[in-house]
PDB file of N, CA and C in Angstrom:
ATOM      1  N   MET A   1      44.753 150.497  93.514  1.00  0.00           N
ATOM      2  CA  MET A   1      43.816 150.876  94.525  1.00  0.00           C
ATOM      3  C   MET A   1      44.364 152.057  95.309  1.00  0.00           C
ATOM      4  N   CYS A   2      43.699 153.128  95.201  1.00  0.00           N
ATOM      5  CA  CYS A   2      44.123 154.370  95.849  1.00  0.00           C
ATOM      6  C   CYS A   2      44.228 154.210  97.371  1.00  0.00           C
ATOM      7  N   GLU A   3      43.266 153.527  97.981  1.00  0.00           N
ATOM      8  CA  GLU A   3      43.289 153.373  99.443  1.00  0.00           C
ATOM      9  C   GLU A   3      44.524 152.631  99.913  1.00  0.00           C
ATOM     10  N   ARG A   4      44.981 151.662  99.166  1.00  0.00           N
ATOM     11  CA  ARG A   4      46.173 150.908  99.567  1.00  0.00           C
ATOM     12  C   ARG A   4      47.417 151.795  99.589  1.00  0.00           C
ATOM     13  N   GLU A   5      47.428 152.821  98.763  1.00  0.00           N
ATOM     14  CA  GLU A   5      48.581 153.723  98.707  1.00  0.00           C
ATOM     15  C   GLU A   5      48.429 154.935  99.618  1.00  0.00           C
ATOM     16  N   GLU A   6      47.234 155.510  99.644  1.00  0.00           N
ATOM     17  CA  GLU A   6      47.021 156.769 100.353  1.00  0.00           C
ATOM     18  C   GLU A   6      46.504 156.616 101.791  1.00  0.00           C
ATOM     19  N   HIS A   7      45.774 155.572 102.073  1.00  0.00           N
ATOM     20  CA  HIS A   7      45.217 155.301 103.410  1.00  0.00           C
ATOM     21  C   HIS A   7      44.290 156.407 103.920  1.00  0.00           C
ATOM     22  N   ILE A   8      43.629 157.087 103.008  1.00  0.00           N
ATOM     23  CA  ILE A   8      42.745 158.187 103.392  1.00  0.00           C
ATOM     24  C   ILE A   8      41.563 157.662 104.210  1.00  0.00           C
ATOM     25  N   THR A   9      40.921 156.595 103.747  1.00  0.00           N
ATOM     26  CA  THR A   9      39.793 156.034 104.489  1.00  0.00           C
ATOM     27  C   THR A   9      40.259 155.558 105.858  1.00  0.00           C
ATOM     28  N   TYR A  10      41.378 154.900 105.899  1.00  0.00           N
ATOM     29  CA  TYR A  10      41.929 154.432 107.171  1.00  0.00           C
ATOM     30  C   TYR A  10      42.112 155.591 108.144  1.00  0.00           C
ATOM     31  N   ASP A  11      42.728 156.666 107.675  1.00  0.00           N
ATOM     32  CA  ASP A  11      42.996 157.817 108.542  1.00  0.00           C
ATOM     33  C   ASP A  11      41.702 158.455 109.049  1.00  0.00           C
ATOM     34  N   VAL A  12      40.701 158.560 108.189  1.00  0.00           N
ATOM     35  CA  VAL A  12      39.415 159.122 108.607  1.00  0.00           C
ATOM     36  C   VAL A  12      38.739 158.199 109.611  1.00  0.00           C
ATOM     37  N   LEU A  13      38.794 156.893 109.359  1.00  0.00           N
ATOM     38  CA  LEU A  13      38.187 155.932 110.295  1.00  0.00           C
ATOM     39  C   LEU A  13      38.853 155.985 111.663  1.00  0.00           C
ATOM     40  N   LYS A  14      40.159 156.202 111.712  1.00  0.00           N
ATOM     41  CA  LYS A  14      40.849 156.325 113.002  1.00  0.00           C
ATOM     42  C   LYS A  14      40.327 157.536 113.781  1.00  0.00           C
ATOM     43  N   ILE A  15      40.090 158.636 113.091  1.00  0.00           N
ATOM     44  CA  ILE A  15      39.533 159.829 113.752  1.00  0.00           C
ATOM     45  C   ILE A  15      38.126 159.530 114.278  1.00  0.00           C
ATOM     46  N   LEU A  16      37.299 158.916 113.441  1.00  0.00           N
ATOM     47  CA  LEU A  16      35.936 158.600 113.849  1.00  0.00           C
ATOM     48  C   LEU A  16      35.915 157.583 114.987  1.00  0.00           C
ATOM     49  N   GLN A  17      36.834 156.659 114.969  1.00  0.00           N
ATOM     50  CA  GLN A  17      36.932 155.676 116.045  1.00  0.00           C
ATOM     51  C   GLN A  17      37.288 156.365 117.361  1.00  0.00           C
ATOM     52  N   LYS A  18      38.193 157.311 117.283  1.00  0.00           N
ATOM     53  CA  LYS A  18      38.651 158.023 118.485  1.00  0.00           C
ATOM     54  C   LYS A  18      37.500 158.759 119.179  1.00  0.00           C
ATOM     55  N   ILE A  19      36.577 159.317 118.386  1.00  0.00           N
ATOM     56  CA  ILE A  19      35.452 160.044 118.992  1.00  0.00           C
ATOM     57  C   ILE A  19      34.182 159.191 119.049  1.00  0.00           C
ATOM     58  N   ASP A  20      34.311 157.899 118.744  1.00  0.00           N
ATOM     59  CA  ASP A  20      33.212 156.929 118.763  1.00  0.00           C
ATOM     60  C   ASP A  20      32.022 157.409 117.940  1.00  0.00           C
ATOM     61  N   TYR A  21      32.330 157.841 116.730  1.00  0.00           N
ATOM     62  CA  TYR A  21      31.285 158.318 115.828  1.00  0.00           C
ATOM     63  C   TYR A  21      30.927 157.203 114.847  1.00  0.00           C
ATOM     64  N   PRO A  22      29.648 156.887 114.705  1.00  0.00           N
ATOM     65  CA  PRO A  22      29.255 155.786 113.813  1.00  0.00           C
ATOM     66  C   PRO A  22      29.492 156.113 112.340  1.00  0.00           C
ATOM     67  N   VAL A  23      29.870 155.075 111.596  1.00  0.00           N
ATOM     68  CA  VAL A  23      30.113 155.256 110.168  1.00  0.00           C
ATOM     69  C   VAL A  23      29.704 153.988 109.425  1.00  0.00           C
ATOM     70  N   GLN A  24      29.229 154.193 108.216  1.00  0.00           N
ATOM     71  CA  GLN A  24      28.916 153.071 107.341  1.00  0.00           C
ATOM     72  C   GLN A  24      29.762 153.216 106.087  1.00  0.00           C
ATOM     73  N   ILE A  25      30.445 152.140 105.728  1.00  0.00           N
ATOM     74  CA  ILE A  25      31.271 152.116 104.525  1.00  0.00           C
ATOM     75  C   ILE A  25      30.483 151.401 103.436  1.00  0.00           C
ATOM     76  N   SER A  26      30.407 152.007 102.272  1.00  0.00           N
ATOM     77  CA  SER A  26      29.736 151.405 101.126  1.00  0.00           C
ATOM     78  C   SER A  26      30.801 151.090 100.083  1.00  0.00           C
ATOM     79  N   THR A  27      30.875 149.815  99.668  1.00  0.00           N
ATOM     80  CA  THR A  27      31.969 149.397  98.797  1.00  0.00           C
ATOM     81  C   THR A  27      31.586 148.195  97.942  1.00  0.00           C
ATOM     82  N   LYS A  28      32.342 147.994  96.877  1.00  0.00           N
ATOM     83  CA  LYS A  28      32.277 146.747  96.107  1.00  0.00           C
ATOM     84  C   LYS A  28      33.481 145.883  96.436  1.00  0.00           C
ATOM     85  N   ASN A  29      34.396 146.399  97.240  1.00  0.00           N
ATOM     86  CA  ASN A  29      35.598 145.652  97.567  1.00  0.00           C
ATOM     87  C   ASN A  29      35.861 145.650  99.075  1.00  0.00           C
ATOM     88  N   PRO A  30      35.205 144.750  99.806  1.00  0.00           N
ATOM     89  CA  PRO A  30      35.430 144.685 101.250  1.00  0.00           C
ATOM     90  C   PRO A  30      36.808 144.140 101.634  1.00  0.00           C
ATOM     91  N   GLU A  31      37.551 143.613 100.657  1.00  0.00           N
ATOM     92  CA  GLU A  31      38.899 143.113 100.949  1.00  0.00           C
ATOM     93  C   GLU A  31      39.812 144.238 101.432  1.00  0.00           C
ATOM     94  N   ILE A  32      39.588 145.452 100.935  1.00  0.00           N
ATOM     95  CA  ILE A  32      40.431 146.581 101.343  1.00  0.00           C
ATOM     96  C   ILE A  32      40.278 146.823 102.845  1.00  0.00           C
ATOM     97  N   PHE A  33      39.023 146.909 103.308  1.00  0.00           N
ATOM     98  CA  PHE A  33      38.798 147.119 104.741  1.00  0.00           C
ATOM     99  C   PHE A  33      39.304 145.928 105.547  1.00  0.00           C
ATOM    100  N   LEU A  34      39.131 144.728 105.020  1.00  0.00           N
ATOM    101  CA  LEU A  34      39.576 143.533 105.725  1.00  0.00           C
ATOM    102  C   LEU A  34      41.071 143.581 106.020  1.00  0.00           C
ATOM    103  N   GLU A  35      41.841 144.210 105.140  1.00  0.00           N
ATOM    104  CA  GLU A  35      43.293 144.299 105.329  1.00  0.00           C
ATOM    105  C   GLU A  35      43.658 144.993 106.641  1.00  0.00           C
ATOM    106  N   TYR A  36      42.835 145.942 107.088  1.00  0.00           N
ATOM    107  CA  TYR A  36      43.147 146.629 108.344  1.00  0.00           C
ATOM    108  C   TYR A  36      41.999 146.573 109.353  1.00  0.00           C
ATOM    109  N   ALA A  37      41.105 145.622 109.169  1.00  0.00           N
ATOM    110  CA  ALA A  37      39.941 145.500 110.053  1.00  0.00           C
ATOM    111  C   ALA A  37      40.320 145.281 111.511  1.00  0.00           C
ATOM    112  N   ASP A  38      41.402 144.564 111.754  1.00  0.00           N
ATOM    113  CA  ASP A  38      41.789 144.298 113.145  1.00  0.00           C
ATOM    114  C   ASP A  38      42.037 145.585 113.925  1.00  0.00           C
ATOM    115  N   ASP A  39      42.415 146.651 113.248  1.00  0.00           N
ATOM    116  CA  ASP A  39      42.635 147.942 113.911  1.00  0.00           C
ATOM    117  C   ASP A  39      41.321 148.598 114.331  1.00  0.00           C
ATOM    118  N   PHE A  40      40.192 148.058 113.852  1.00  0.00           N
ATOM    119  CA  PHE A  40      38.901 148.691 114.118  1.00  0.00           C
ATOM    120  C   PHE A  40      37.898 147.770 114.811  1.00  0.00           C
ATOM    121  N   ILE A  41      38.372 146.658 115.339  1.00  0.00           N
ATOM    122  CA  ILE A  41      37.457 145.766 116.055  1.00  0.00           C
ATOM    123  C   ILE A  41      36.885 146.518 117.245  1.00  0.00           C
ATOM    124  N   GLY A  42      35.572 146.475 117.362  1.00  0.00           N
ATOM    125  CA  GLY A  42      34.880 147.187 118.441  1.00  0.00           C
ATOM    126  C   GLY A  42      34.486 148.608 118.086  1.00  0.00           C
ATOM    127  N   ALA A  43      34.971 149.111 116.943  1.00  0.00           N
ATOM    128  CA  ALA A  43      34.599 150.459 116.513  1.00  0.00           C
ATOM    129  C   ALA A  43      33.169 150.442 115.982  1.00  0.00           C
ATOM    130  N   ASN A  44      32.573 151.598 115.937  1.00  0.00           N
ATOM    131  CA  ASN A  44      31.177 151.749 115.504  1.00  0.00           C
ATOM    132  C   ASN A  44      31.131 151.854 113.973  1.00  0.00           C
ATOM    133  N   ILE A  45      31.506 150.758 113.309  1.00  0.00           N
ATOM    134  CA  ILE A  45      31.614 150.723 111.847  1.00  0.00           C
ATOM    135  C   ILE A  45      30.749 149.594 111.303  1.00  0.00           C
ATOM    136  N   ALA A  46      29.973 149.905 110.284  1.00  0.00           N
ATOM    137  CA  ALA A  46      29.201 148.901 109.551  1.00  0.00           C
ATOM    138  C   ALA A  46      29.605 148.994 108.091  1.00  0.00           C
ATOM    139  N   LEU A  47      29.458 147.896 107.386  1.00  0.00           N
ATOM    140  CA  LEU A  47      29.793 147.883 105.963  1.00  0.00           C
ATOM    141  C   LEU A  47      28.577 147.515 105.134  1.00  0.00           C
ATOM    142  N   ASN A  48      28.509 148.132 103.984  1.00  0.00           N
ATOM    143  CA  ASN A  48      27.452 147.889 103.011  1.00  0.00           C
ATOM    144  C   ASN A  48      28.168 147.493 101.721  1.00  0.00           C
ATOM    145  N   VAL A  49      28.005 146.230 101.316  1.00  0.00           N
ATOM    146  CA  VAL A  49      28.743 145.709 100.163  1.00  0.00           C
ATOM    147  C   VAL A  49      27.790 145.466  99.001  1.00  0.00           C
ATOM    148  N   SER A  50      28.097 146.033  97.848  1.00  0.00           N
ATOM    149  CA  SER A  50      27.278 145.854  96.648  1.00  0.00           C
ATOM    150  C   SER A  50      27.656 144.572  95.921  1.00  0.00           C
ATOM    151  N   ILE A  51      26.627 143.792  95.591  1.00  0.00           N
ATOM    152  CA  ILE A  51      26.794 142.610  94.749  1.00  0.00           C
ATOM    153  C   ILE A  51      25.556 142.536  93.859  1.00  0.00           C
ATOM    154  N   SER A  52      25.736 142.677  92.575  1.00  0.00           N
ATOM    155  CA  SER A  52      24.602 142.608  91.643  1.00  0.00           C
ATOM    156  C   SER A  52      24.385 141.201  91.120  1.00  0.00           C
ATOM    157  N   PHE A  53      25.487 140.487  90.914  1.00  0.00           N
ATOM    158  CA  PHE A  53      25.438 139.141  90.358  1.00  0.00           C
ATOM    159  C   PHE A  53      26.178 138.202  91.295  1.00  0.00           C
ATOM    160  N   PHE A  54      25.675 137.014  91.475  1.00  0.00           N
ATOM    161  CA  PHE A  54      26.300 136.051  92.362  1.00  0.00           C
ATOM    162  C   PHE A  54      26.977 134.938  91.566  1.00  0.00           C
ATOM    163  N   ASP A  55      27.265 135.221  90.328  1.00  0.00           N
ATOM    164  CA  ASP A  55      27.963 134.322  89.427  1.00  0.00           C
ATOM    165  C   ASP A  55      29.212 135.060  88.959  1.00  0.00           C
ATOM    166  N   ASP A  56      30.377 134.515  89.274  1.00  0.00           N
ATOM    167  CA  ASP A  56      31.638 135.194  88.954  1.00  0.00           C
ATOM    168  C   ASP A  56      31.795 135.498  87.471  1.00  0.00           C
ATOM    169  N   ASP A  57      31.431 134.546  86.626  1.00  0.00           N
ATOM    170  CA  ASP A  57      31.602 134.759  85.189  1.00  0.00           C
ATOM    171  C   ASP A  57      30.708 135.870  84.664  1.00  0.00           C
ATOM    172  N   MET A  58      29.469 135.907  85.122  1.00  0.00           N
ATOM    173  CA  MET A  58      28.556 136.955  84.681  1.00  0.00           C
ATOM    174  C   MET A  58      29.017 138.316  85.204  1.00  0.00           C
ATOM    175  N   ALA A  59      29.409 138.344  86.469  1.00  0.00           N
ATOM    176  CA  ALA A  59      29.866 139.604  87.062  1.00  0.00           C
ATOM    177  C   ALA A  59      31.106 140.136  86.335  1.00  0.00           C
ATOM    178  N   LYS A  60      31.978 139.238  85.927  1.00  0.00           N
ATOM    179  CA  LYS A  60      33.200 139.641  85.216  1.00  0.00           C
ATOM    180  C   LYS A  60      32.865 140.402  83.935  1.00  0.00           C
ATOM    181  N   GLN A  61      31.793 139.996  83.275  1.00  0.00           N
ATOM    182  CA  GLN A  61      31.372 140.653  82.038  1.00  0.00           C
ATOM    183  C   GLN A  61      30.701 142.003  82.299  1.00  0.00           C
ATOM    184  N   ILE A  62      29.980 142.099  83.396  1.00  0.00           N
ATOM    185  CA  ILE A  62      29.178 143.292  83.670  1.00  0.00           C
ATOM    186  C   ILE A  62      29.903 144.303  84.557  1.00  0.00           C
ATOM    187  N   GLU A  63      30.567 143.813  85.602  1.00  0.00           N
ATOM    188  CA  GLU A  63      31.214 144.693  86.571  1.00  0.00           C
ATOM    189  C   GLU A  63      32.726 144.702  86.348  1.00  0.00           C
ATOM    190  N   CYS A  64      33.129 145.191  85.214  1.00  0.00           N
ATOM    191  CA  CYS A  64      34.544 145.225  84.858  1.00  0.00           C
ATOM    192  C   CYS A  64      35.341 145.980  85.925  1.00  0.00           C
ATOM    193  N   GLY A  65      36.394 145.357  86.387  1.00  0.00           N
ATOM    194  CA  GLY A  65      37.261 146.005  87.362  1.00  0.00           C
ATOM    195  C   GLY A  65      36.910 145.702  88.809  1.00  0.00           C
ATOM    196  N   ALA A  66      35.698 145.232  89.074  1.00  0.00           N
ATOM    197  CA  ALA A  66      35.299 144.898  90.444  1.00  0.00           C
ATOM    198  C   ALA A  66      35.771 143.481  90.770  1.00  0.00           C
ATOM    199  N   ILE A  67      36.033 143.231  92.037  1.00  0.00           N
ATOM    200  CA  ILE A  67      36.426 141.878  92.416  1.00  0.00           C
ATOM    201  C   ILE A  67      35.227 140.940  92.274  1.00  0.00           C
ATOM    202  N   ALA A  68      35.499 139.669  92.112  1.00  0.00           N
ATOM    203  CA  ALA A  68      34.456 138.667  91.902  1.00  0.00           C
ATOM    204  C   ALA A  68      33.522 138.586  93.110  1.00  0.00           C
ATOM    205  N   PRO A  69      32.263 138.282  92.863  1.00  0.00           N
ATOM    206  CA  PRO A  69      31.317 138.126  93.973  1.00  0.00           C
ATOM    207  C   PRO A  69      31.779 137.092  94.999  1.00  0.00           C
ATOM    208  N   SER A  70      32.388 136.004  94.543  1.00  0.00           N
ATOM    209  CA  SER A  70      32.869 134.988  95.491  1.00  0.00           C
ATOM    210  C   SER A  70      33.914 135.570  96.436  1.00  0.00           C
ATOM    211  N   ARG A  71      34.761 136.452  95.936  1.00  0.00           N
ATOM    212  CA  ARG A  71      35.765 137.106  96.787  1.00  0.00           C
ATOM    213  C   ARG A  71      35.095 138.072  97.748  1.00  0.00           C
ATOM    214  N   ARG A  72      34.073 138.777  97.291  1.00  0.00           N
ATOM    215  CA  ARG A  72      33.343 139.680  98.187  1.00  0.00           C
ATOM    216  C   ARG A  72      32.701 138.894  99.321  1.00  0.00           C
ATOM    217  N   LEU A  73      32.066 137.768  98.970  1.00  0.00           N
ATOM    218  CA  LEU A  73      31.401 136.951  99.985  1.00  0.00           C
ATOM    219  C   LEU A  73      32.405 136.371 100.978  1.00  0.00           C
ATOM    220  N   THR A  74      33.581 135.985 100.507  1.00  0.00           N
ATOM    221  CA  THR A  74      34.628 135.481 101.396  1.00  0.00           C
ATOM    222  C   THR A  74      35.094 136.567 102.358  1.00  0.00           C
ATOM    223  N   ALA A  75      35.278 137.780 101.852  1.00  0.00           N
ATOM    224  CA  ALA A  75      35.692 138.900 102.706  1.00  0.00           C
ATOM    225  C   ALA A  75      34.593 139.250 103.709  1.00  0.00           C
ATOM    226  N   ILE A  76      33.342 139.212 103.266  1.00  0.00           N
ATOM    227  CA  ILE A  76      32.222 139.486 104.167  1.00  0.00           C
ATOM    228  C   ILE A  76      32.215 138.472 105.303  1.00  0.00           C
ATOM    229  N   LYS A  77      32.406 137.204 104.978  1.00  0.00           N
ATOM    230  CA  LYS A  77      32.444 136.149 105.998  1.00  0.00           C
ATOM    231  C   LYS A  77      33.536 136.445 107.018  1.00  0.00           C
ATOM    232  N   ALA A  78      34.715 136.802 106.552  1.00  0.00           N
ATOM    233  CA  ALA A  78      35.829 137.112 107.454  1.00  0.00           C
ATOM    234  C   ALA A  78      35.506 138.317 108.336  1.00  0.00           C
ATOM    235  N   LEU A  79      34.871 139.328 107.760  1.00  0.00           N
ATOM    236  CA  LEU A  79      34.522 140.525 108.532  1.00  0.00           C
ATOM    237  C   LEU A  79      33.445 140.242 109.571  1.00  0.00           C
ATOM    238  N   THR A  80      32.443 139.462 109.197  1.00  0.00           N
ATOM    239  CA  THR A  80      31.391 139.147 110.168  1.00  0.00           C
ATOM    240  C   THR A  80      31.951 138.273 111.298  1.00  0.00           C
ATOM    241  N   GLU A  81      32.895 137.417 110.980  1.00  0.00           N
ATOM    242  CA  GLU A  81      33.529 136.599 112.026  1.00  0.00           C
ATOM    243  C   GLU A  81      34.340 137.454 112.992  1.00  0.00           C
ATOM    244  N   LYS A  82      34.781 138.620 112.532  1.00  0.00           N
ATOM    245  CA  LYS A  82      35.487 139.564 113.399  1.00  0.00           C
ATOM    246  C   LYS A  82      34.517 140.455 114.177  1.00  0.00           C
ATOM    247  N   GLY A  83      33.220 140.308 113.889  1.00  0.00           N
ATOM    248  CA  GLY A  83      32.222 141.066 114.641  1.00  0.00           C
ATOM    249  C   GLY A  83      31.659 142.292 113.946  1.00  0.00           C
ATOM    250  N   PHE A  84      32.033 142.508 112.693  1.00  0.00           N
ATOM    251  CA  PHE A  84      31.510 143.664 111.970  1.00  0.00           C
ATOM    252  C   PHE A  84      30.120 143.369 111.418  1.00  0.00           C
ATOM    253  N   ASN A  85      29.272 144.380 111.434  1.00  0.00           N
ATOM    254  CA  ASN A  85      27.956 144.274 110.809  1.00  0.00           C
ATOM    255  C   ASN A  85      28.110 144.566 109.322  1.00  0.00           C
ATOM    256  N   VAL A  86      27.626 143.632 108.510  1.00  0.00           N
ATOM    257  CA  VAL A  86      27.713 143.799 107.061  1.00  0.00           C
ATOM    258  C   VAL A  86      26.332 143.570 106.456  1.00  0.00           C
ATOM    259  N   LEU A  87      25.938 144.495 105.621  1.00  0.00           N
ATOM    260  CA  LEU A  87      24.699 144.389 104.866  1.00  0.00           C
ATOM    261  C   LEU A  87      25.082 144.273 103.401  1.00  0.00           C
ATOM    262  N   ILE A  88      24.444 143.361 102.681  1.00  0.00           N
ATOM    263  CA  ILE A  88      24.710 143.231 101.256  1.00  0.00           C
ATOM    264  C   ILE A  88      23.638 143.984 100.488  1.00  0.00           C
ATOM    265  N   ARG A  89      24.090 144.817  99.585  1.00  0.00           N
ATOM    266  CA  ARG A  89      23.186 145.609  98.742  1.00  0.00           C
ATOM    267  C   ARG A  89      23.126 144.947  97.371  1.00  0.00           C
ATOM    268  N   VAL A  90      21.982 144.313  97.064  1.00  0.00           N
ATOM    269  CA  VAL A  90      21.777 143.706  95.749  1.00  0.00           C
ATOM    270  C   VAL A  90      21.267 144.834  94.855  1.00  0.00           C
ATOM    271  N   GLN A  91      22.245 145.499  94.231  1.00  0.00           N
ATOM    272  CA  GLN A  91      21.904 146.698  93.478  1.00  0.00           C
ATOM    273  C   GLN A  91      22.902 146.884  92.344  1.00  0.00           C
ATOM    274  N   PRO A  92      22.452 147.059  91.142  1.00  0.00           N
ATOM    275  CA  PRO A  92      21.037 147.123  90.784  1.00  0.00           C
ATOM    276  C   PRO A  92      20.392 145.740  90.844  1.00  0.00           C
ATOM    277  N   PHE A  93      19.112 145.737  91.096  1.00  0.00           N
ATOM    278  CA  PHE A  93      18.308 144.521  91.153  1.00  0.00           C
ATOM    279  C   PHE A  93      17.879 144.226  89.728  1.00  0.00           C
ATOM    280  N   ILE A  94      18.601 143.313  89.076  1.00  0.00           N
ATOM    281  CA  ILE A  94      18.431 143.071  87.653  1.00  0.00           C
ATOM    282  C   ILE A  94      17.416 141.955  87.413  1.00  0.00           C
ATOM    283  N   LEU A  95      16.398 142.291  86.662  1.00  0.00           N
ATOM    284  CA  LEU A  95      15.378 141.295  86.305  1.00  0.00           C
ATOM    285  C   LEU A  95      15.650 140.785  84.899  1.00  0.00           C
ATOM    286  N   PRO A  96      15.420 139.550  84.598  1.00  0.00           N
ATOM    287  CA  PRO A  96      14.861 138.494  85.453  1.00  0.00           C
ATOM    288  C   PRO A  96      15.924 137.775  86.283  1.00  0.00           C
ATOM    289  N   TYR A  97      17.206 138.158  86.146  1.00  0.00           N
ATOM    290  CA  TYR A  97      18.295 137.458  86.842  1.00  0.00           C
ATOM    291  C   TYR A  97      18.001 137.292  88.339  1.00  0.00           C
ATOM    292  N   ALA A  98      17.618 138.363  89.016  1.00  0.00           N
ATOM    293  CA  ALA A  98      17.422 138.308  90.467  1.00  0.00           C
ATOM    294  C   ALA A  98      16.334 137.313  90.854  1.00  0.00           C
ATOM    295  N   PHE A  99      15.228 137.309  90.132  1.00  0.00           N
ATOM    296  CA  PHE A  99      14.165 136.354  90.448  1.00  0.00           C
ATOM    297  C   PHE A  99      14.575 134.929  90.091  1.00  0.00           C
ATOM    298  N   ASP A 100      15.217 134.763  88.960  1.00  0.00           N
ATOM    299  CA  ASP A 100      15.627 133.429  88.528  1.00  0.00           C
ATOM    300  C   ASP A 100      16.656 132.804  89.468  1.00  0.00           C
ATOM    301  N   ASN A 101      17.402 133.642  90.162  1.00  0.00           N
ATOM    302  CA  ASN A 101      18.473 133.169  91.044  1.00  0.00           C
ATOM    303  C   ASN A 101      18.230 133.510  92.511  1.00  0.00           C
ATOM    304  N   ALA A 102      16.997 133.816  92.864  1.00  0.00           N
ATOM    305  CA  ALA A 102      16.669 134.284  94.220  1.00  0.00           C
ATOM    306  C   ALA A 102      17.142 133.317  95.305  1.00  0.00           C
ATOM    307  N   GLU A 103      16.914 132.038  95.111  1.00  0.00           N
ATOM    308  CA  GLU A 103      17.310 131.067  96.140  1.00  0.00           C
ATOM    309  C   GLU A 103      18.826 131.059  96.325  1.00  0.00           C
ATOM    310  N   LYS A 104      19.571 131.052  95.226  1.00  0.00           N
ATOM    311  CA  LYS A 104      21.035 131.084  95.303  1.00  0.00           C
ATOM    312  C   LYS A 104      21.512 132.370  95.968  1.00  0.00           C
ATOM    313  N   ILE A 105      20.893 133.487  95.619  1.00  0.00           N
ATOM    314  CA  ILE A 105      21.284 134.775  96.190  1.00  0.00           C
ATOM    315  C   ILE A 105      21.086 134.774  97.699  1.00  0.00           C
ATOM    316  N   VAL A 106      19.907 134.367  98.145  1.00  0.00           N
ATOM    317  CA  VAL A 106      19.611 134.373  99.578  1.00  0.00           C
ATOM    318  C   VAL A 106      20.511 133.400 100.327  1.00  0.00           C
ATOM    319  N   LYS A 107      20.751 132.223  99.779  1.00  0.00           N
ATOM    320  CA  LYS A 107      21.650 131.260 100.428  1.00  0.00           C
ATOM    321  C   LYS A 107      23.072 131.806 100.517  1.00  0.00           C
ATOM    322  N   SER A 108      23.527 132.476  99.467  1.00  0.00           N
ATOM    323  CA  SER A 108      24.872 133.058  99.474  1.00  0.00           C
ATOM    324  C   SER A 108      24.994 134.138 100.536  1.00  0.00           C
ATOM    325  N   ILE A 109      23.977 134.972 100.631  1.00  0.00           N
ATOM    326  CA  ILE A 109      23.978 136.045 101.628  1.00  0.00           C
ATOM    327  C   ILE A 109      23.979 135.450 103.026  1.00  0.00           C
ATOM    328  N   LYS A 110      23.119 134.472 103.250  1.00  0.00           N
ATOM    329  CA  LYS A 110      23.028 133.847 104.574  1.00  0.00           C
ATOM    330  C   LYS A 110      24.348 133.189 104.962  1.00  0.00           C
ATOM    331  N   SER A 111      24.948 132.444 104.041  1.00  0.00           N
ATOM    332  CA  SER A 111      26.191 131.736 104.381  1.00  0.00           C
ATOM    333  C   SER A 111      27.373 132.690 104.568  1.00  0.00           C
ATOM    334  N   SER A 112      27.272 133.907 104.040  1.00  0.00           N
ATOM    335  CA  SER A 112      28.348 134.883 104.217  1.00  0.00           C
ATOM    336  C   SER A 112      28.385 135.456 105.628  1.00  0.00           C
ATOM    337  N   GLY A 113      27.289 135.304 106.359  1.00  0.00           N
ATOM    338  CA  GLY A 113      27.241 135.869 107.702  1.00  0.00           C
ATOM    339  C   GLY A 113      26.676 137.280 107.744  1.00  0.00           C
ATOM    340  N   ALA A 114      26.369 137.843 106.573  1.00  0.00           N
ATOM    341  CA  ALA A 114      25.774 139.183 106.541  1.00  0.00           C
ATOM    342  C   ALA A 114      24.456 139.158 107.298  1.00  0.00           C
ATOM    343  N   PHE A 115      24.138 140.275 107.980  1.00  0.00           N
ATOM    344  CA  PHE A 115      22.907 140.267 108.768  1.00  0.00           C
ATOM    345  C   PHE A 115      21.670 140.516 107.917  1.00  0.00           C
ATOM    346  N   GLY A 116      21.853 140.828 106.649  1.00  0.00           N
ATOM    347  CA  GLY A 116      20.708 141.023 105.777  1.00  0.00           C
ATOM    348  C   GLY A 116      21.132 141.590 104.450  1.00  0.00           C
ATOM    349  N   PHE A 117      20.115 141.909 103.660  1.00  0.00           N
ATOM    350  CA  PHE A 117      20.387 142.528 102.367  1.00  0.00           C
ATOM    351  C   PHE A 117      19.303 143.529 102.041  1.00  0.00           C
ATOM    352  N   GLN A 118      19.624 144.388 101.130  1.00  0.00           N
ATOM    353  CA  GLN A 118      18.663 145.377 100.636  1.00  0.00           C
ATOM    354  C   GLN A 118      18.750 145.401  99.128  1.00  0.00           C
ATOM    355  N   THR A 119      17.693 145.890  98.489  1.00  0.00           N
ATOM    356  CA  THR A 119      17.699 146.006  97.030  1.00  0.00           C
ATOM    357  C   THR A 119      17.379 147.425  96.661  1.00  0.00           C
TER     358      THR A 119
END
């Protein structure tokens, strides 16, 4: 993970925090931000997390290299408990999977603490 070594996003966020400039982070791995989230509590930062599949095994086959959806949801829960606004982006919206699993998807999003989702 480049961010863990280079801290480029961290450094930019510190500048934006200093001037109170709003920013939205779009990611498939909210665990990275969670590692240093305490440094940004109260900052004008929102996160947008992509999750296409809410089944770890299916996601493993399709989203090679991305962390499991269950790990994303756990990180989202931790971030929302720290006061960060998190939106889940169900994208791509894969049919018929999304309709067949709509109830599970919505329940997962709700229990994560995310304030909503988009497709």
